[in-house]
Protein backbone atom coordinates (compact mmCIF):
# COMPACT_ATOMS: atom_id res chain seq x y z
CA MET A 1 25.67 0.62 4.80
CA LYS A 2 22.37 -1.21 4.56
CA LYS A 3 19.88 -0.63 1.90
CA SER A 4 16.64 -0.22 2.73
CA SER A 5 14.33 -2.98 1.13
CA LYS A 6 11.64 -0.72 0.81
CA ARG A 7 10.04 -0.80 -2.77
CA PRO A 8 8.19 2.00 -3.95
CA GLN A 9 4.30 1.62 -4.85
CA MET A 10 3.24 3.06 -7.70
CA LYS A 11 -0.43 3.33 -9.25
CA ILE A 12 -0.41 1.56 -13.01
CA PRO A 13 -4.20 1.25 -14.33
CA LYS A 14 -5.13 -2.42 -15.16
CA THR A 15 -4.78 -3.46 -18.08
CA ARG A 16 -7.59 -4.41 -20.69
CA GLY A 17 -6.09 -7.83 -20.53
CA GLU A 18 -6.60 -7.93 -16.45
CA ARG A 19 -10.24 -6.82 -16.93
CA ILE A 20 -11.00 -9.70 -19.17
CA TRP A 21 -9.31 -12.40 -17.28
CA ASN A 22 -11.55 -10.82 -13.92
CA ALA A 23 -14.67 -10.78 -16.33
CA ILE A 24 -13.77 -14.58 -17.18
CA GLY A 25 -12.88 -15.67 -13.90
CA TYR A 26 -15.43 -14.25 -11.79
CA THR A 27 -18.24 -14.78 -13.79
CA ILE A 28 -17.92 -18.57 -13.80
CA PHE A 29 -17.15 -18.62 -10.50
CA LEU A 30 -19.98 -16.57 -9.90
CA GLY A 31 -21.84 -18.53 -12.23
CA THR A 32 -20.84 -21.78 -10.63
CA ILE A 33 -22.45 -20.55 -7.59
CA ILE A 34 -25.69 -19.76 -9.02
CA PHE A 35 -25.95 -22.59 -10.55
CA VAL A 36 -24.83 -24.43 -7.36
CA MET A 37 -28.01 -22.97 -5.83
CA TRP A 38 -30.11 -23.86 -8.18
CA VAL A 39 -29.98 -27.60 -8.46
CA TRP A 40 -28.71 -27.73 -4.56
CA LYS A 41 -32.43 -29.11 -3.69
CA TYR A 42 -31.64 -31.76 -7.24
CA VAL A 43 -28.37 -32.67 -6.07
CA PRO A 44 -28.24 -36.43 -4.58
CA ASN A 45 -27.02 -36.36 -1.36
CA GLU A 46 -23.79 -38.15 -1.94
CA VAL A 47 -21.59 -36.68 -4.65
CA PRO A 48 -17.78 -37.12 -6.08
CA ALA A 49 -15.61 -35.94 -3.57
CA HIS A 50 -12.77 -37.39 -4.64
CA PHE A 51 -11.08 -38.82 -7.74
CA ASN A 52 -7.50 -40.47 -8.27
CA SER A 53 -4.98 -39.73 -10.81
CA ALA A 54 -6.99 -41.40 -13.69
CA GLY A 55 -10.09 -39.48 -12.85
CA GLU A 56 -11.44 -42.63 -11.21
CA ILE A 57 -13.90 -41.80 -8.07
CA THR A 58 -12.46 -42.82 -5.27
CA ARG A 59 -14.42 -41.39 -2.23
CA TRP A 60 -17.89 -40.14 -2.15
CA GLY A 61 -19.30 -37.29 0.00
CA SER A 62 -22.00 -35.06 1.03
CA LYS A 63 -23.46 -32.84 -1.14
CA TRP A 64 -22.17 -29.96 1.98
CA GLU A 65 -18.70 -30.94 0.16
CA LEU A 66 -19.44 -29.65 -2.57
CA LEU A 67 -19.46 -25.75 -0.75
CA ILE A 68 -15.94 -27.26 0.75
CA ILE A 69 -14.30 -26.94 -2.71
CA LEU A 70 -15.85 -23.43 -3.06
CA ILE A 71 -14.72 -21.87 -0.02
CA PRO A 72 -11.06 -21.67 -1.39
CA GLY A 73 -11.93 -19.70 -3.89
CA ILE A 74 -13.36 -17.40 -2.39
CA PHE A 75 -10.32 -17.22 0.12
CA THR A 76 -8.10 -17.23 -3.51
CA ALA A 77 -10.46 -14.41 -4.97
CA THR A 78 -9.72 -12.27 -2.05
CA PHE A 79 -6.04 -12.90 -0.79
CA MET A 80 -5.09 -13.30 -4.61
CA GLY A 81 -6.98 -9.73 -5.18
CA VAL A 82 -5.10 -8.02 -2.13
CA MET A 83 -1.54 -9.06 -3.50
CA GLU A 84 -2.49 -8.02 -6.84
CA ARG A 85 -2.84 -4.73 -5.48
CA TYR A 86 0.40 -4.55 -3.66
CA PRO A 87 2.86 -6.01 -6.49
CA GLU A 88 5.62 -4.11 -4.41
CA LEU A 89 5.37 -6.82 -1.84
CA HIS A 90 6.03 -9.49 -4.84
CA ASN A 91 9.75 -11.16 -5.21
CA TYR A 92 11.75 -10.06 -7.32
CA PRO A 93 15.07 -11.10 -9.04
CA LYS A 94 18.63 -9.20 -7.84
CA ARG A 95 17.97 -7.14 -11.50
CA PHE A 96 14.88 -5.53 -10.16
CA ASN A 97 16.03 -1.57 -10.12
CA GLU A 98 14.38 1.75 -10.39
CA THR A 99 14.50 1.75 -14.28
CA ASN A 100 12.73 -1.23 -14.31
CA THR A 101 10.34 -1.19 -11.84
CA LYS A 102 7.32 -0.50 -13.28
CA ALA A 103 7.94 -3.49 -16.08
CA PHE A 104 8.02 -5.72 -13.19
CA TYR A 105 5.50 -4.86 -11.02
CA LEU A 106 3.17 -4.74 -13.93
CA HIS A 107 4.28 -7.80 -14.90
CA SER A 108 4.16 -9.40 -11.55
CA ARG A 109 0.35 -8.35 -11.13
CA LYS A 110 -1.06 -9.76 -14.60
CA MET A 111 0.78 -12.96 -13.63
CA MET A 112 -1.03 -12.53 -10.34
CA ASN A 113 -4.02 -11.28 -12.06
CA GLN A 114 -3.83 -14.91 -14.38
CA LEU A 115 -3.35 -16.99 -11.64
CA LYS A 116 -6.53 -15.96 -9.58
CA ASN A 117 -8.48 -16.05 -12.40
CA ILE A 118 -7.61 -19.82 -13.22
CA CYS A 119 -8.06 -21.34 -9.88
CA LEU A 120 -11.15 -19.59 -10.26
CA ILE A 121 -11.85 -21.55 -13.23
CA ILE A 122 -10.67 -24.86 -11.67
CA PHE A 123 -12.60 -24.35 -8.70
CA SER A 124 -15.82 -24.23 -10.73
CA ILE A 125 -14.45 -27.06 -13.08
CA ILE A 126 -14.11 -29.72 -10.10
CA THR A 127 -17.11 -28.19 -8.43
CA LEU A 128 -19.32 -28.92 -11.56
CA GLU A 129 -17.85 -31.60 -12.47
CA SER A 130 -18.83 -33.29 -9.05
CA ILE A 131 -22.74 -32.15 -9.66
CA PHE A 132 -22.77 -33.14 -13.36
CA ILE A 133 -21.41 -36.61 -12.15
CA ALA A 134 -23.70 -36.95 -9.04
CA MET A 135 -26.68 -36.28 -11.21
CA ASN A 136 -25.81 -38.53 -14.35
CA TRP A 137 -25.96 -35.47 -16.61
CA TRP A 138 -22.16 -36.55 -17.60
CA GLU A 139 -19.18 -38.97 -17.10
CA GLY A 140 -16.81 -36.41 -15.97
CA LEU A 141 -12.78 -35.56 -17.84
CA GLY A 142 -11.67 -38.72 -16.46
CA ALA A 143 -8.08 -39.60 -17.08
CA TRP A 144 -8.11 -36.05 -18.41
CA MET A 145 -8.81 -33.94 -15.47
CA LEU A 146 -5.42 -33.82 -14.13
CA PRO A 147 -3.22 -33.26 -17.19
CA LEU A 148 -5.87 -30.49 -18.06
CA LEU A 149 -5.74 -28.60 -15.23
CA ILE A 150 -1.67 -29.09 -14.57
CA THR A 151 -1.83 -27.39 -18.25
CA PHE A 152 -3.90 -24.67 -17.80
CA THR A 153 -1.87 -24.29 -14.56
CA PHE A 154 1.84 -24.01 -15.99
CA PHE A 155 1.31 -22.90 -18.94
CA PRO A 156 0.81 -19.25 -18.53
CA LEU A 157 3.20 -19.56 -15.22
CA ILE A 158 5.79 -20.81 -17.90
CA LEU A 159 5.23 -18.25 -20.46
CA SER A 160 4.91 -15.46 -17.69
CA PHE A 161 8.34 -16.13 -16.55
CA MET A 162 9.56 -16.52 -20.18
CA LYS A 163 8.34 -12.95 -20.15
CA ARG A 164 9.92 -11.76 -17.26
CA ARG A 165 13.27 -12.51 -18.40
CA LYS A 166 13.09 -10.08 -21.32
CA ILE A 167 12.56 -6.98 -18.62
CA LYS A 168 16.07 -5.35 -18.65
């Protein structure tokens, strides 16, 4: 007999941490969009468009490419926001069962929330760094950019998987 793969839907209220992450992520991203609109007429026609792993500029491009950086941020916020609402669609280990459903759903949703907001912050940092360098306001993070972004992305994931292991 085939076991049903349909998972139960649950309405679990957002935690304080999720609301804080949303406030931070959306505020920074919206602030970046507003800032870009505010300085747009002052931004030079060419901005840094690509950096190598050492943080050196390897290509300059049109200032319109700044918008290309922000579009994935909007897509990410939308897609991951929808996925956050439906934790029953997420992937779970074999030990997932009726008694730990709520714990897994909450944990998975919180992880999705953090990743969504971290992505928004990363897109903002990349956009702002390109503008600041183009306008000679700042030299950028240089070789620190890639390690910081990797740490910023993977540290919460690693912590999350460690916490997930504790769910019985």
